[in-house]
């Protein structure tokens, strides 16, 4: 199944409502579950992709915050410490 997160979520909602209502005939349950599995996979893949992007961006921000702004200034400070 290909599609957007929104489409897949809508499919999952529809299937959940049908199953919760108890109106799904037994012969229809297996195809519904297969459709739900495919829709769930689309949602999961989209969420994982967003998490990966956010993790990368946050890692870059964190690395930038921890890195010294002027490496030469840090070296000069280290040299001064060596003189003491």
PDB file of N, CA and C in Angstrom:
ATOM      1  N   UNK A   1       0.846  -1.175   0.000  1.00  0.00           N
ATOM      2  CA  UNK A   1       0.000   0.000   0.000  1.00  0.00           C
ATOM      3  C   UNK A   1       0.890   1.236   0.000  1.00  0.00           C
ATOM      4  N   UNK A   2       0.628   2.122  -0.888  1.00  0.00           N
ATOM      5  CA  UNK A   2       1.315   3.408  -0.926  1.00  0.00           C
ATOM      6  C   UNK A   2       0.283   4.467  -0.593  1.00  0.00           C
ATOM      7  N   UNK A   3       0.752   5.568  -0.099  1.00  0.00           N
ATOM      8  CA  UNK A   3      -0.167   6.649   0.212  1.00  0.00           C
ATOM      9  C   UNK A   3       0.403   7.514   1.305  1.00  0.00           C
ATOM     10  N   UNK A   4      -0.381   8.476   1.673  1.00  0.00           N
ATOM     11  CA  UNK A   4       0.054   9.411   2.697  1.00  0.00           C
ATOM     12  C   UNK A   4      -0.270   8.867   4.086  1.00  0.00           C
ATOM     13  N   UNK A   5       0.335   9.490   5.054  1.00  0.00           N
ATOM     14  CA  UNK A   5       0.056   9.147   6.443  1.00  0.00           C
ATOM     15  C   UNK A   5      -1.429   9.341   6.732  1.00  0.00           C
ATOM     16  N   UNK A   6      -1.969  10.461   6.263  1.00  0.00           N
ATOM     17  CA  UNK A   6      -3.380  10.772   6.523  1.00  0.00           C
ATOM     18  C   UNK A   6      -4.296   9.702   5.931  1.00  0.00           C
ATOM     19  N   UNK A   7      -4.019   9.279   4.710  1.00  0.00           N
ATOM     20  CA  UNK A   7      -4.844   8.240   4.078  1.00  0.00           C
ATOM     21  C   UNK A   7      -4.767   6.940   4.872  1.00  0.00           C
ATOM     22  N   UNK A   8      -3.550   6.562   5.261  1.00  0.00           N
ATOM     23  CA  UNK A   8      -3.372   5.318   6.009  1.00  0.00           C
ATOM     24  C   UNK A   8      -4.071   5.396   7.366  1.00  0.00           C
ATOM     25  N   UNK A   9      -3.971   6.545   8.026  1.00  0.00           N
ATOM     26  CA  UNK A   9      -4.621   6.725   9.322  1.00  0.00           C
ATOM     27  C   UNK A   9      -6.142   6.639   9.183  1.00  0.00           C
ATOM     28  N   UNK A  10      -6.664   7.213   8.112  1.00  0.00           N
ATOM     29  CA  UNK A  10      -8.108   7.156   7.857  1.00  0.00           C
ATOM     30  C   UNK A  10      -8.555   5.713   7.658  1.00  0.00           C
ATOM     31  N   UNK A  11      -7.763   4.950   6.935  1.00  0.00           N
ATOM     32  CA  UNK A  11      -8.076   3.530   6.720  1.00  0.00           C
ATOM     33  C   UNK A  11      -8.084   2.791   8.053  1.00  0.00           C
ATOM     34  N   UNK A  12      -7.073   3.027   8.871  1.00  0.00           N
ATOM     35  CA  UNK A  12      -7.022   2.371  10.185  1.00  0.00           C
ATOM     36  C   UNK A  12      -8.232   2.740  11.042  1.00  0.00           C
ATOM     37  N   UNK A  13      -8.612   3.992  11.023  1.00  0.00           N
ATOM     38  CA  UNK A  13      -9.779   4.438  11.802  1.00  0.00           C
ATOM     39  C   UNK A  13     -11.054   3.763  11.326  1.00  0.00           C
ATOM     40  N   UNK A  14     -11.219   3.683  10.011  1.00  0.00           N
ATOM     41  CA  UNK A  14     -12.413   3.049   9.444  1.00  0.00           C
ATOM     42  C   UNK A  14     -12.475   1.577   9.823  1.00  0.00           C
ATOM     43  N   UNK A  15     -11.345   0.888   9.700  1.00  0.00           N
ATOM     44  CA  UNK A  15     -11.309  -0.543  10.016  1.00  0.00           C
ATOM     45  C   UNK A  15     -11.565  -0.764  11.508  1.00  0.00           C
ATOM     46  N   UNK A  16     -10.954   0.059  12.350  1.00  0.00           N
ATOM     47  CA  UNK A  16     -11.168  -0.075  13.796  1.00  0.00           C
ATOM     48  C   UNK A  16     -12.640   0.112  14.143  1.00  0.00           C
ATOM     49  N   UNK A  17     -13.265   1.114  13.547  1.00  0.00           N
ATOM     50  CA  UNK A  17     -14.688   1.365  13.817  1.00  0.00           C
ATOM     51  C   UNK A  17     -15.539   0.184  13.373  1.00  0.00           C
ATOM     52  N   UNK A  18     -15.222  -0.356  12.207  1.00  0.00           N
ATOM     53  CA  UNK A  18     -15.995  -1.498  11.692  1.00  0.00           C
ATOM     54  C   UNK A  18     -15.831  -2.717  12.597  1.00  0.00           C
ATOM     55  N   UNK A  19     -14.613  -2.977  13.040  1.00  0.00           N
ATOM     56  CA  UNK A  19     -14.376  -4.139  13.898  1.00  0.00           C
ATOM     57  C   UNK A  19     -14.983  -3.938  15.287  1.00  0.00           C
ATOM     58  N   UNK A  20     -14.877  -2.720  15.825  1.00  0.00           N
ATOM     59  CA  UNK A  20     -15.442  -2.444  17.148  1.00  0.00           C
ATOM     60  C   UNK A  20     -16.964  -2.522  17.146  1.00  0.00           C
ATOM     61  N   UNK A  21     -17.576  -2.173  16.029  1.00  0.00           N
ATOM     62  CA  UNK A  21     -19.033  -2.218  15.929  1.00  0.00           C
ATOM     63  C   UNK A  21     -19.544  -3.651  15.850  1.00  0.00           C
ATOM     64  N   UNK A  22     -18.638  -4.573  15.570  1.00  0.00           N
ATOM     65  CA  UNK A  22     -19.032  -5.970  15.469  1.00  0.00           C
ATOM     66  C   UNK A  22     -19.829  -6.275  14.223  1.00  0.00           C
ATOM     67  N   UNK A  23     -19.790  -5.375  13.255  1.00  0.00           N
ATOM     68  CA  UNK A  23     -20.574  -5.551  12.039  1.00  0.00           C
ATOM     69  C   UNK A  23     -19.815  -6.286  10.942  1.00  0.00           C
ATOM     70  N   UNK A  24     -18.515  -6.470  11.118  1.00  0.00           N
ATOM     71  CA  UNK A  24     -17.727  -7.131  10.077  1.00  0.00           C
ATOM     72  C   UNK A  24     -18.058  -8.616  10.066  1.00  0.00           C
ATOM     73  N   UNK A  25     -18.412  -9.092   8.923  1.00  0.00           N
ATOM     74  CA  UNK A  25     -18.683 -10.518   8.785  1.00  0.00           C
ATOM     75  C   UNK A  25     -17.350 -11.267   8.842  1.00  0.00           C
ATOM     76  N   UNK A  26     -17.374 -12.461   9.383  1.00  0.00           N
ATOM     77  CA  UNK A  26     -16.151 -13.215   9.636  1.00  0.00           C
ATOM     78  C   UNK A  26     -15.301 -13.378   8.379  1.00  0.00           C
ATOM     79  N   UNK A  27     -15.940 -13.537   7.230  1.00  0.00           N
ATOM     80  CA  UNK A  27     -15.189 -13.684   5.984  1.00  0.00           C
ATOM     81  C   UNK A  27     -14.481 -12.381   5.598  1.00  0.00           C
ATOM     82  N   UNK A  28     -14.920 -11.290   6.164  1.00  0.00           N
ATOM     83  CA  UNK A  28     -14.317  -9.990   5.839  1.00  0.00           C
ATOM     84  C   UNK A  28     -13.207  -9.606   6.826  1.00  0.00           C
ATOM     85  N   UNK A  29     -13.122 -10.268   7.966  1.00  0.00           N
ATOM     86  CA  UNK A  29     -12.150  -9.893   8.991  1.00  0.00           C
ATOM     87  C   UNK A  29     -10.712 -10.054   8.497  1.00  0.00           C
ATOM     88  N   UNK A  30     -10.388 -11.172   7.878  1.00  0.00           N
ATOM     89  CA  UNK A  30      -9.013 -11.386   7.425  1.00  0.00           C
ATOM     90  C   UNK A  30      -8.577 -10.336   6.405  1.00  0.00           C
ATOM     91  N   UNK A  31      -9.387 -10.033   5.373  1.00  0.00           N
ATOM     92  CA  UNK A  31      -8.989  -8.956   4.454  1.00  0.00           C
ATOM     93  C   UNK A  31      -8.869  -7.597   5.151  1.00  0.00           C
ATOM     94  N   UNK A  32      -9.740  -7.338   6.122  1.00  0.00           N
ATOM     95  CA  UNK A  32      -9.644  -6.084   6.875  1.00  0.00           C
ATOM     96  C   UNK A  32      -8.333  -6.010   7.654  1.00  0.00           C
ATOM     97  N   UNK A  33      -7.967  -7.116   8.285  1.00  0.00           N
ATOM     98  CA  UNK A  33      -6.727  -7.132   9.050  1.00  0.00           C
ATOM     99  C   UNK A  33      -5.509  -6.948   8.149  1.00  0.00           C
ATOM    100  N   UNK A  34      -5.537  -7.520   6.971  1.00  0.00           N
ATOM    101  CA  UNK A  34      -4.433  -7.338   6.022  1.00  0.00           C
ATOM    102  C   UNK A  34      -4.352  -5.880   5.572  1.00  0.00           C
ATOM    103  N   UNK A  35      -5.498  -5.287   5.293  1.00  0.00           N
ATOM    104  CA  UNK A  35      -5.526  -3.875   4.906  1.00  0.00           C
ATOM    105  C   UNK A  35      -5.016  -2.998   6.058  1.00  0.00           C
ATOM    106  N   UNK A  36      -5.405  -3.340   7.277  1.00  0.00           N
ATOM    107  CA  UNK A  36      -4.951  -2.592   8.452  1.00  0.00           C
ATOM    108  C   UNK A  36      -3.445  -2.742   8.639  1.00  0.00           C
ATOM    109  N   UNK A  37      -2.928  -3.937   8.413  1.00  0.00           N
ATOM    110  CA  UNK A  37      -1.487  -4.162   8.541  1.00  0.00           C
ATOM    111  C   UNK A  37      -0.715  -3.283   7.568  1.00  0.00           C
ATOM    112  N   UNK A  38      -1.197  -3.199   6.344  1.00  0.00           N
ATOM    113  CA  UNK A  38      -0.530  -2.376   5.333  1.00  0.00           C
ATOM    114  C   UNK A  38      -0.617  -0.888   5.685  1.00  0.00           C
ATOM    115  N   UNK A  39      -1.769  -0.451   6.140  1.00  0.00           N
ATOM    116  CA  UNK A  39      -1.939   0.958   6.519  1.00  0.00           C
ATOM    117  C   UNK A  39      -1.063   1.292   7.725  1.00  0.00           C
ATOM    118  N   UNK A  40      -0.995   0.374   8.671  1.00  0.00           N
ATOM    119  CA  UNK A  40      -0.149   0.577   9.846  1.00  0.00           C
ATOM    120  C   UNK A  40       1.317   0.707   9.438  1.00  0.00           C
ATOM    121  N   UNK A  41       1.749  -0.109   8.488  1.00  0.00           N
ATOM    122  CA  UNK A  41       3.139  -0.050   8.020  1.00  0.00           C
ATOM    123  C   UNK A  41       3.452   1.313   7.412  1.00  0.00           C
ATOM    124  N   UNK A  42       2.510   1.870   6.661  1.00  0.00           N
ATOM    125  CA  UNK A  42       2.710   3.206   6.081  1.00  0.00           C
ATOM    126  C   UNK A  42       2.853   4.238   7.198  1.00  0.00           C
ATOM    127  N   UNK A  43       1.964   4.205   8.174  1.00  0.00           N
ATOM    128  CA  UNK A  43       2.021   5.157   9.294  1.00  0.00           C
ATOM    129  C   UNK A  43       3.334   5.008  10.060  1.00  0.00           C
ATOM    130  N   UNK A  44       3.696   3.787  10.367  1.00  0.00           N
ATOM    131  CA  UNK A  44       4.931   3.533  11.115  1.00  0.00           C
ATOM    132  C   UNK A  44       6.156   4.042  10.356  1.00  0.00           C
ATOM    133  N   UNK A  45       6.215   3.770   9.045  1.00  0.00           N
ATOM    134  CA  UNK A  45       7.353   4.219   8.241  1.00  0.00           C
ATOM    135  C   UNK A  45       7.459   5.735   8.216  1.00  0.00           C
ATOM    136  N   UNK A  46       6.324   6.412   8.095  1.00  0.00           N
ATOM    137  CA  UNK A  46       6.332   7.887   8.077  1.00  0.00           C
ATOM    138  C   UNK A  46       6.802   8.438   9.426  1.00  0.00           C
ATOM    139  N   UNK A  47       6.317   7.861  10.506  1.00  0.00           N
ATOM    140  CA  UNK A  47       6.709   8.323  11.839  1.00  0.00           C
ATOM    141  C   UNK A  47       8.199   8.085  12.062  1.00  0.00           C
ATOM    142  N   UNK A  48       8.703   6.918  11.663  1.00  0.00           N
ATOM    143  CA  UNK A  48      10.129   6.628  11.816  1.00  0.00           C
ATOM    144  C   UNK A  48      10.979   7.584  10.991  1.00  0.00           C
ATOM    145  N   UNK A  49      10.511   7.942   9.796  1.00  0.00           N
ATOM    146  CA  UNK A  49      11.254   8.885   8.956  1.00  0.00           C
ATOM    147  C   UNK A  49      11.332  10.255   9.619  1.00  0.00           C
ATOM    148  N   UNK A  50      10.233  10.699  10.193  1.00  0.00           N
ATOM    149  CA  UNK A  50      10.226  11.995  10.883  1.00  0.00           C
ATOM    150  C   UNK A  50      11.140  11.943  12.104  1.00  0.00           C
ATOM    151  N   UNK A  51      11.084  10.865  12.857  1.00  0.00           N
ATOM    152  CA  UNK A  51      11.956  10.730  14.033  1.00  0.00           C
ATOM    153  C   UNK A  51      13.429  10.774  13.634  1.00  0.00           C
ATOM    154  N   UNK A  52      13.768  10.111  12.532  1.00  0.00           N
ATOM    155  CA  UNK A  52      15.158  10.099  12.076  1.00  0.00           C
ATOM    156  C   UNK A  52      15.625  11.499  11.709  1.00  0.00           C
ATOM    157  N   UNK A  53      14.778  12.241  11.024  1.00  0.00           N
ATOM    158  CA  UNK A  53      15.138  13.612  10.649  1.00  0.00           C
ATOM    159  C   UNK A  53      15.305  14.468  11.897  1.00  0.00           C
ATOM    160  N   UNK A  54      14.352  14.374  12.808  1.00  0.00           N
ATOM    161  CA  UNK A  54      14.436  15.168  14.035  1.00  0.00           C
ATOM    162  C   UNK A  54      15.654  14.787  14.865  1.00  0.00           C
ATOM    163  N   UNK A  55      15.958  13.516  14.949  1.00  0.00           N
ATOM    164  CA  UNK A  55      17.126  13.071  15.714  1.00  0.00           C
ATOM    165  C   UNK A  55      18.399  13.628  15.097  1.00  0.00           C
ATOM    166  N   UNK A  56      18.477  13.646  13.796  1.00  0.00           N
ATOM    167  CA  UNK A  56      19.650  14.196  13.126  1.00  0.00           C
ATOM    168  C   UNK A  56      19.776  15.679  13.344  1.00  0.00           C
ATOM    169  N   UNK A  57      18.689  16.401  13.233  1.00  0.00           N
ATOM    170  CA  UNK A  57      18.722  17.847  13.435  1.00  0.00           C
ATOM    171  C   UNK A  57      19.060  18.180  14.879  1.00  0.00           C
ATOM    172  N   UNK A  58      18.476  17.457  15.819  1.00  0.00           N
ATOM    173  CA  UNK A  58      18.767  17.736  17.220  1.00  0.00           C
ATOM    174  C   UNK A  58      20.204  17.389  17.539  1.00  0.00           C
ATOM    175  N   UNK A  59      20.729  16.330  16.935  1.00  0.00           N
ATOM    176  CA  UNK A  59      22.125  15.967  17.164  1.00  0.00           C
ATOM    177  C   UNK A  59      23.043  17.068  16.651  1.00  0.00           C
ATOM    178  N   UNK A  60      22.713  17.642  15.492  1.00  0.00           N
ATOM    179  CA  UNK A  60      23.524  18.729  14.948  1.00  0.00           C
ATOM    180  C   UNK A  60      23.484  19.939  15.871  1.00  0.00           C
ATOM    181  N   UNK A  61      22.321  20.280  16.384  1.00  0.00           N
ATOM    182  CA  UNK A  61      22.189  21.422  17.289  1.00  0.00           C
ATOM    183  C   UNK A  61      22.988  21.157  18.562  1.00  0.00           C
ATOM    184  N   UNK A  62      22.884  19.956  19.087  1.00  0.00           N
ATOM    185  CA  UNK A  62      23.591  19.592  20.310  1.00  0.00           C
ATOM    186  C   UNK A  62      25.097  19.640  20.078  1.00  0.00           C
ATOM    187  N   UNK A  63      25.575  19.109  18.949  1.00  0.00           N
ATOM    188  CA  UNK A  63      27.001  19.126  18.635  1.00  0.00           C
ATOM    189  C   UNK A  63      27.512  20.553  18.496  1.00  0.00           C
ATOM    190  N   UNK A  64      26.728  21.402  17.884  1.00  0.00           N
ATOM    191  CA  UNK A  64      27.120  22.796  17.702  1.00  0.00           C
ATOM    192  C   UNK A  64      27.208  23.500  19.050  1.00  0.00           C
ATOM    193  N   UNK A  65      26.281  23.223  19.930  1.00  0.00           N
ATOM    194  CA  UNK A  65      26.269  23.867  21.244  1.00  0.00           C
ATOM    195  C   UNK A  65      27.454  23.413  22.086  1.00  0.00           C
ATOM    196  N   UNK A  66      27.880  22.173  21.923  1.00  0.00           N
ATOM    197  CA  UNK A  66      28.975  21.641  22.719  1.00  0.00           C
ATOM    198  C   UNK A  66      30.335  21.969  22.124  1.00  0.00           C
ATOM    199  N   UNK A  67      30.401  22.233  20.831  1.00  0.00           N
ATOM    200  CA  UNK A  67      31.674  22.505  20.168  1.00  0.00           C
ATOM    201  C   UNK A  67      32.144  23.914  20.498  1.00  0.00           C
ATOM    202  N   UNK A  68      33.455  24.093  20.678  1.00  0.00           N
ATOM    203  CA  UNK A  68      33.959  25.444  20.925  1.00  0.00           C
ATOM    204  C   UNK A  68      33.787  26.306  19.687  1.00  0.00           C
ATOM    205  N   UNK A  69      33.472  27.570  19.924  1.00  0.00           N
ATOM    206  CA  UNK A  69      33.241  28.465  18.796  1.00  0.00           C
ATOM    207  C   UNK A  69      34.539  28.839  18.108  1.00  0.00           C
ATOM    208  N   UNK A  70      35.634  28.998  18.873  1.00  0.00           N
ATOM    209  CA  UNK A  70      36.908  29.416  18.307  1.00  0.00           C
ATOM    210  C   UNK A  70      37.990  28.465  18.807  1.00  0.00           C
ATOM    211  N   UNK A  71      38.346  27.459  18.019  1.00  0.00           N
ATOM    212  CA  UNK A  71      39.335  26.472  18.462  1.00  0.00           C
ATOM    213  C   UNK A  71      40.680  27.106  18.791  1.00  0.00           C
ATOM    214  N   UNK A  72      41.071  28.191  18.084  1.00  0.00           N
ATOM    215  CA  UNK A  72      42.350  28.838  18.354  1.00  0.00           C
ATOM    216  C   UNK A  72      42.347  29.484  19.736  1.00  0.00           C
ATOM    217  N   UNK A  73      41.222  30.032  20.142  1.00  0.00           N
ATOM    218  CA  UNK A  73      41.115  30.632  21.471  1.00  0.00           C
ATOM    219  C   UNK A  73      41.280  29.562  22.543  1.00  0.00           C
ATOM    220  N   UNK A  74      40.719  28.380  22.307  1.00  0.00           N
ATOM    221  CA  UNK A  74      40.860  27.286  23.257  1.00  0.00           C
ATOM    222  C   UNK A  74      42.313  26.837  23.351  1.00  0.00           C
ATOM    223  N   UNK A  75      43.015  26.794  22.211  1.00  0.00           N
ATOM    224  CA  UNK A  75      44.422  26.408  22.212  1.00  0.00           C
ATOM    225  C   UNK A  75      45.247  27.430  22.972  1.00  0.00           C
ATOM    226  N   UNK A  76      44.960  28.715  22.786  1.00  0.00           N
ATOM    227  CA  UNK A  76      45.683  29.768  23.495  1.00  0.00           C
ATOM    228  C   UNK A  76      45.460  29.642  24.996  1.00  0.00           C
ATOM    229  N   UNK A  77      44.256  29.338  25.399  1.00  0.00           N
ATOM    230  CA  UNK A  77      43.958  29.157  26.817  1.00  0.00           C
ATOM    231  C   UNK A  77      44.719  27.962  27.365  1.00  0.00           C
ATOM    232  N   UNK A  78      44.815  26.880  26.587  1.00  0.00           N
ATOM    233  CA  UNK A  78      45.569  25.706  27.010  1.00  0.00           C
ATOM    234  C   UNK A  78      47.046  26.044  27.158  1.00  0.00           C
ATOM    235  N   UNK A  79      47.582  26.839  26.223  1.00  0.00           N
ATOM    236  CA  UNK A  79      48.986  27.237  26.283  1.00  0.00           C
ATOM    237  C   UNK A  79      49.254  28.061  27.533  1.00  0.00           C
ATOM    238  N   UNK A  80      48.335  28.954  27.894  1.00  0.00           N
ATOM    239  CA  UNK A  80      48.487  29.763  29.103  1.00  0.00           C
ATOM    240  C   UNK A  80      48.484  28.880  30.344  1.00  0.00           C
ATOM    241  N   UNK A  81      47.658  27.836  30.341  1.00  0.00           N
ATOM    242  CA  UNK A  81      47.618  26.916  31.470  1.00  0.00           C
ATOM    243  C   UNK A  81      48.945  26.185  31.611  1.00  0.00           C
ATOM    244  N   UNK A  82      49.582  25.871  30.496  1.00  0.00           N
ATOM    245  CA  UNK A  82      50.857  25.168  30.523  1.00  0.00           C
ATOM    246  C   UNK A  82      51.954  26.028  31.129  1.00  0.00           C
ATOM    247  N   UNK A  83      51.843  27.349  31.016  1.00  0.00           N
ATOM    248  CA  UNK A  83      52.855  28.256  31.537  1.00  0.00           C
ATOM    249  C   UNK A  83      52.796  28.365  33.050  1.00  0.00           C
ATOM    250  N   UNK A  84      51.666  28.087  33.638  1.00  0.00           N
ATOM    251  CA  UNK A  84      51.505  28.229  35.094  1.00  0.00           C
ATOM    252  C   UNK A  84      52.198  27.154  35.847  1.00  0.00           C
TER     253      UNK A  84
END
